[in-house]
Amino acid sequence: PYYIDLNQILFLQASVRSSDSNLTVSVDTCVASPDPRDFNTVVYPIIKDGCSRDPSYATYSSSDSRSARFGFSAFEFISRHRSVFLRCQLLVCRLGDLSSRCHQGCGRRARRDAGS
């Protein structure tokens, strides 16, 4: 476990271990839950579909494109629960592929037309 106080900044880094230097990583979704087995019932969204849901969320530059660095302030959610667990989903894309989700940033995914 990692212990933090309310409003303390939590810094995270996620990396892809690959010899392919033409990869890039970005954070797509990250949520917090008091239950490590249930990330649907009681959750606090930090980032969803590349869009920040927490005002303290920030990304940080990395010299390695295969790493994504980000952080956020410990929120009141932790004061109401003894433990808080994070689940983050990352995107791994080709570096320089401007049509990939990694390069689209914050944006809603296109919805399919249900028709008449």
Protein backbone atom coordinates (compact mmCIF):
# COMPACT_ATOMS: atom_id res chain seq x y z
CA PRO A 1 0.00 0.00 0.00
CA TYR A 2 0.94 3.61 -0.55
CA TYR A 3 -0.24 6.04 2.13
CA ILE A 4 -1.14 9.62 1.26
CA ASP A 5 -2.91 12.49 2.98
CA LEU A 6 -5.91 14.42 1.76
CA ASN A 7 -4.92 16.93 -0.97
CA GLN A 8 -1.47 15.39 -1.37
CA ILE A 9 -0.48 15.01 -5.04
CA LEU A 10 -0.18 11.41 -6.17
CA PHE A 11 2.25 11.02 -9.10
CA LEU A 12 2.00 7.97 -11.36
CA GLN A 13 3.87 6.64 -14.34
CA ALA A 14 2.85 3.84 -16.68
CA SER A 15 5.27 2.40 -19.21
CA VAL A 16 5.27 -0.13 -21.99
CA ARG A 17 8.26 -2.42 -21.89
CA SER A 18 9.23 -2.80 -25.51
CA SER A 19 12.33 -2.32 -27.60
CA ASP A 20 10.10 -0.63 -30.21
CA SER A 21 10.83 3.09 -29.78
CA ASN A 22 8.01 3.97 -32.22
CA LEU A 23 5.33 3.46 -29.57
CA THR A 24 3.56 6.06 -27.48
CA VAL A 25 1.38 5.68 -24.40
CA SER A 26 -1.50 7.80 -23.15
CA VAL A 27 -3.96 7.48 -20.29
CA ASP A 28 -7.49 6.78 -21.52
CA THR A 29 -9.46 6.03 -18.34
CA CYS A 30 -8.60 5.97 -14.65
CA VAL A 31 -11.09 5.42 -11.82
CA ALA A 32 -10.84 4.93 -8.06
CA SER A 33 -12.87 2.47 -6.00
CA PRO A 34 -12.93 1.33 -2.37
CA ASP A 35 -13.31 -2.28 -3.61
CA PRO A 36 -10.45 -3.81 -5.65
CA ARG A 37 -12.91 -6.25 -7.25
CA ASP A 38 -15.64 -3.77 -8.19
CA PHE A 39 -14.90 -0.76 -10.33
CA ASN A 40 -18.53 -0.19 -11.29
CA THR A 41 -20.67 0.31 -8.17
CA VAL A 42 -18.87 2.96 -6.08
CA VAL A 43 -16.30 4.76 -8.22
CA TYR A 44 -14.68 8.13 -8.53
CA PRO A 45 -13.70 8.93 -12.14
CA ILE A 46 -10.35 10.69 -12.54
CA ILE A 47 -10.10 10.56 -16.34
CA LYS A 48 -12.51 9.02 -18.85
CA ASP A 49 -12.03 8.65 -22.62
CA GLY A 50 -8.98 10.90 -22.36
CA CYS A 51 -10.96 13.68 -20.67
CA SER A 52 -10.12 14.82 -17.15
CA ARG A 53 -12.98 14.32 -14.68
CA ASP A 54 -11.01 15.58 -11.67
CA PRO A 55 -9.91 19.24 -11.68
CA SER A 56 -6.55 18.35 -10.11
CA TYR A 57 -5.62 15.83 -12.83
CA ALA A 58 -2.49 16.78 -14.76
CA THR A 59 -0.18 15.14 -17.27
CA TYR A 60 3.59 15.51 -17.09
CA SER A 61 6.12 15.26 -19.87
CA SER A 62 8.38 12.27 -20.20
CA SER A 63 11.56 11.88 -22.23
CA ASP A 64 10.37 8.41 -23.24
CA SER A 65 7.29 8.23 -25.49
CA ARG A 66 6.62 4.75 -24.09
CA SER A 67 5.80 6.26 -20.69
CA ALA A 68 2.79 8.27 -19.55
CA ARG A 69 3.18 10.43 -16.45
CA PHE A 70 0.22 11.89 -14.63
CA GLY A 71 -0.97 12.92 -11.21
CA PHE A 72 -3.89 14.16 -9.20
CA SER A 73 -4.65 15.42 -5.73
CA ALA A 74 -5.91 12.96 -3.13
CA PHE A 75 -9.61 13.68 -3.03
CA GLU A 76 -12.23 13.49 -0.30
CA PHE A 77 -13.14 10.01 -1.53
CA ILE A 78 -10.15 8.70 0.47
CA SER A 79 -11.36 10.23 3.72
CA ARG A 80 -14.59 8.21 3.47
CA HIS A 81 -12.94 4.87 2.72
CA ARG A 82 -10.15 3.03 4.49
CA SER A 83 -8.50 2.02 1.21
CA VAL A 84 -8.86 3.28 -2.33
CA PHE A 85 -7.81 1.30 -5.40
CA LEU A 86 -7.05 2.63 -8.87
CA ARG A 87 -7.75 1.02 -12.21
CA CYS A 88 -6.36 2.76 -15.25
CA GLN A 89 -6.64 1.89 -18.92
CA LEU A 90 -3.88 3.00 -21.24
CA LEU A 91 -3.65 3.34 -24.98
CA VAL A 92 -0.55 2.17 -26.83
CA CYS A 93 -0.23 3.59 -30.33
CA ARG A 94 2.30 4.09 -33.08
CA LEU A 95 4.30 7.27 -32.57
CA GLY A 96 3.38 9.80 -35.25
CA ASP A 97 0.05 8.18 -36.17
CA LEU A 98 -2.11 11.29 -35.92
CA SER A 99 -5.31 9.29 -36.50
CA SER A 100 -4.78 7.10 -33.42
CA ARG A 101 -6.71 7.58 -30.16
CA CYS A 102 -3.43 8.50 -28.43
CA HIS A 103 -3.20 11.67 -30.50
CA GLN A 104 -6.88 12.61 -30.36
CA GLY A 105 -6.69 13.62 -26.70
CA CYS A 106 -9.92 14.47 -24.94
CA GLY A 107 -12.90 13.57 -27.01
CA ARG A 108 -15.96 11.46 -27.01
CA ARG A 109 -15.84 8.33 -29.07
CA ALA A 110 -18.07 8.43 -32.10
CA ARG A 111 -21.50 6.92 -31.52
CA ARG A 112 -23.11 4.64 -34.02
CA ASP A 113 -26.33 5.75 -35.63
CA ALA A 114 -29.16 3.52 -34.43
CA GLY A 115 -31.14 4.37 -37.54
CA SER A 116 -34.87 4.89 -37.60
